[in-house]
């Protein structure tokens, strides 16, 4: 039972860290696009 609980917790942690990594990549991409739009000359 204790082993099951540990595996469930480690699975949850891996899912959370995966979601955080995706969010971090998305934020980096968004900020890059945002800066490109700001820095590009407005026509």
N, C-alpha and C. Protein backbone atom coordinates (compact mmCIF):
# COMPACT_ATOMS: atom_id res chain seq x y z
N UNK A 1 0.84 -1.20 0.00
CA UNK A 1 0.00 0.00 0.00
C UNK A 1 0.87 1.25 0.00
N UNK A 2 1.90 1.25 0.86
CA UNK A 2 2.80 2.40 0.93
C UNK A 2 3.53 2.61 -0.39
N UNK A 3 3.94 1.49 -1.03
CA UNK A 3 4.61 1.58 -2.32
C UNK A 3 3.70 2.19 -3.37
N UNK A 4 2.43 1.78 -3.36
CA UNK A 4 1.45 2.33 -4.30
C UNK A 4 1.33 3.84 -4.13
N UNK A 5 1.24 4.26 -2.87
CA UNK A 5 1.09 5.68 -2.56
C UNK A 5 2.28 6.45 -3.10
N UNK A 6 3.49 5.91 -2.88
CA UNK A 6 4.70 6.58 -3.36
C UNK A 6 4.71 6.69 -4.88
N UNK A 7 4.30 5.63 -5.57
CA UNK A 7 4.32 5.66 -7.03
C UNK A 7 3.30 6.66 -7.56
N UNK A 8 2.15 6.75 -6.89
CA UNK A 8 1.13 7.72 -7.30
C UNK A 8 1.66 9.14 -7.13
N UNK A 9 2.31 9.39 -5.99
CA UNK A 9 2.86 10.73 -5.72
C UNK A 9 3.94 11.07 -6.73
N UNK A 10 4.83 10.14 -7.03
CA UNK A 10 5.90 10.43 -7.98
C UNK A 10 5.33 10.65 -9.38
N UNK A 11 4.26 9.93 -9.71
CA UNK A 11 3.60 10.14 -11.00
C UNK A 11 3.00 11.54 -11.06
N UNK A 12 2.32 11.94 -10.00
CA UNK A 12 1.73 13.29 -9.95
C UNK A 12 2.82 14.35 -10.09
N UNK A 13 3.94 14.16 -9.41
CA UNK A 13 5.04 15.12 -9.49
C UNK A 13 5.60 15.21 -10.90
N UNK A 14 5.72 14.06 -11.57
CA UNK A 14 6.26 14.09 -12.93
C UNK A 14 5.29 14.80 -13.88
N UNK A 15 3.99 14.59 -13.67
CA UNK A 15 2.98 15.27 -14.49
C UNK A 15 3.05 16.78 -14.25
N UNK A 16 3.16 17.18 -12.98
CA UNK A 16 3.24 18.60 -12.65
C UNK A 16 4.49 19.23 -13.25
N UNK A 17 5.63 18.56 -13.15
CA UNK A 17 6.85 19.13 -13.68
C UNK A 17 6.79 19.23 -15.20
N UNK A 18 6.12 18.25 -15.84
CA UNK A 18 5.93 18.31 -17.30
C UNK A 18 5.07 19.51 -17.68
N UNK A 19 3.99 19.72 -16.94
CA UNK A 19 3.11 20.87 -17.20
C UNK A 19 3.86 22.18 -17.00
N UNK A 20 4.69 22.25 -15.94
CA UNK A 20 5.46 23.47 -15.68
C UNK A 20 6.45 23.73 -16.81
N UNK A 21 7.07 22.68 -17.32
CA UNK A 21 8.02 22.83 -18.42
C UNK A 21 7.31 23.35 -19.66
N UNK A 22 6.12 22.80 -19.96
CA UNK A 22 5.36 23.29 -21.12
C UNK A 22 4.98 24.75 -20.93
N UNK A 23 4.56 25.10 -19.71
CA UNK A 23 4.17 26.48 -19.43
C UNK A 23 5.37 27.41 -19.60
N UNK A 24 6.55 26.98 -19.13
CA UNK A 24 7.75 27.80 -19.23
C UNK A 24 8.11 28.05 -20.70
N UNK A 25 8.06 27.00 -21.51
CA UNK A 25 8.35 27.13 -22.94
C UNK A 25 7.35 28.09 -23.59
N UNK A 26 6.07 27.94 -23.25
CA UNK A 26 5.03 28.80 -23.81
C UNK A 26 5.26 30.26 -23.43
N UNK A 27 5.61 30.50 -22.16
CA UNK A 27 5.87 31.87 -21.70
C UNK A 27 7.08 32.46 -22.41
N UNK A 28 8.14 31.68 -22.56
CA UNK A 28 9.33 32.16 -23.27
C UNK A 28 8.98 32.53 -24.70
N UNK A 29 8.22 31.66 -25.37
CA UNK A 29 7.82 31.90 -26.75
C UNK A 29 6.96 33.16 -26.85
N UNK A 30 5.99 33.28 -25.94
CA UNK A 30 5.11 34.45 -25.95
C UNK A 30 5.89 35.73 -25.74
N UNK A 31 6.82 35.73 -24.80
CA UNK A 31 7.58 36.94 -24.52
C UNK A 31 8.49 37.26 -25.70
N UNK A 32 9.01 36.24 -26.37
CA UNK A 32 9.84 36.47 -27.56
C UNK A 32 9.02 37.12 -28.66
N UNK A 33 7.82 36.59 -28.90
CA UNK A 33 6.93 37.16 -29.92
C UNK A 33 6.53 38.58 -29.54
N UNK A 34 6.23 38.78 -28.26
CA UNK A 34 5.85 40.10 -27.77
C UNK A 34 6.96 41.12 -28.02
N UNK A 35 8.21 40.74 -27.68
CA UNK A 35 9.33 41.64 -27.89
C UNK A 35 9.56 41.90 -29.38
N UNK A 36 9.37 40.88 -30.19
CA UNK A 36 9.53 41.05 -31.64
C UNK A 36 8.52 42.07 -32.16
N UNK A 37 7.28 41.97 -31.67
CA UNK A 37 6.24 42.90 -32.10
C UNK A 37 6.55 44.32 -31.63
N UNK A 38 7.02 44.44 -30.40
CA UNK A 38 7.33 45.76 -29.84
C UNK A 38 8.51 46.39 -30.58
N UNK A 39 9.54 45.58 -30.83
CA UNK A 39 10.76 46.11 -31.43
C UNK A 39 10.66 46.31 -32.94
N UNK A 40 9.72 45.61 -33.58
CA UNK A 40 9.62 45.76 -35.03
C UNK A 40 9.04 47.13 -35.37
N UNK A 41 9.51 47.74 -36.45
CA UNK A 41 9.01 49.06 -36.83
C UNK A 41 7.53 49.01 -37.19
N UNK A 42 6.78 49.94 -36.68
CA UNK A 42 5.34 49.97 -36.96
C UNK A 42 5.13 50.64 -38.30
N UNK A 43 4.45 49.93 -39.20
CA UNK A 43 4.27 50.49 -40.54
C UNK A 43 3.01 51.33 -40.62
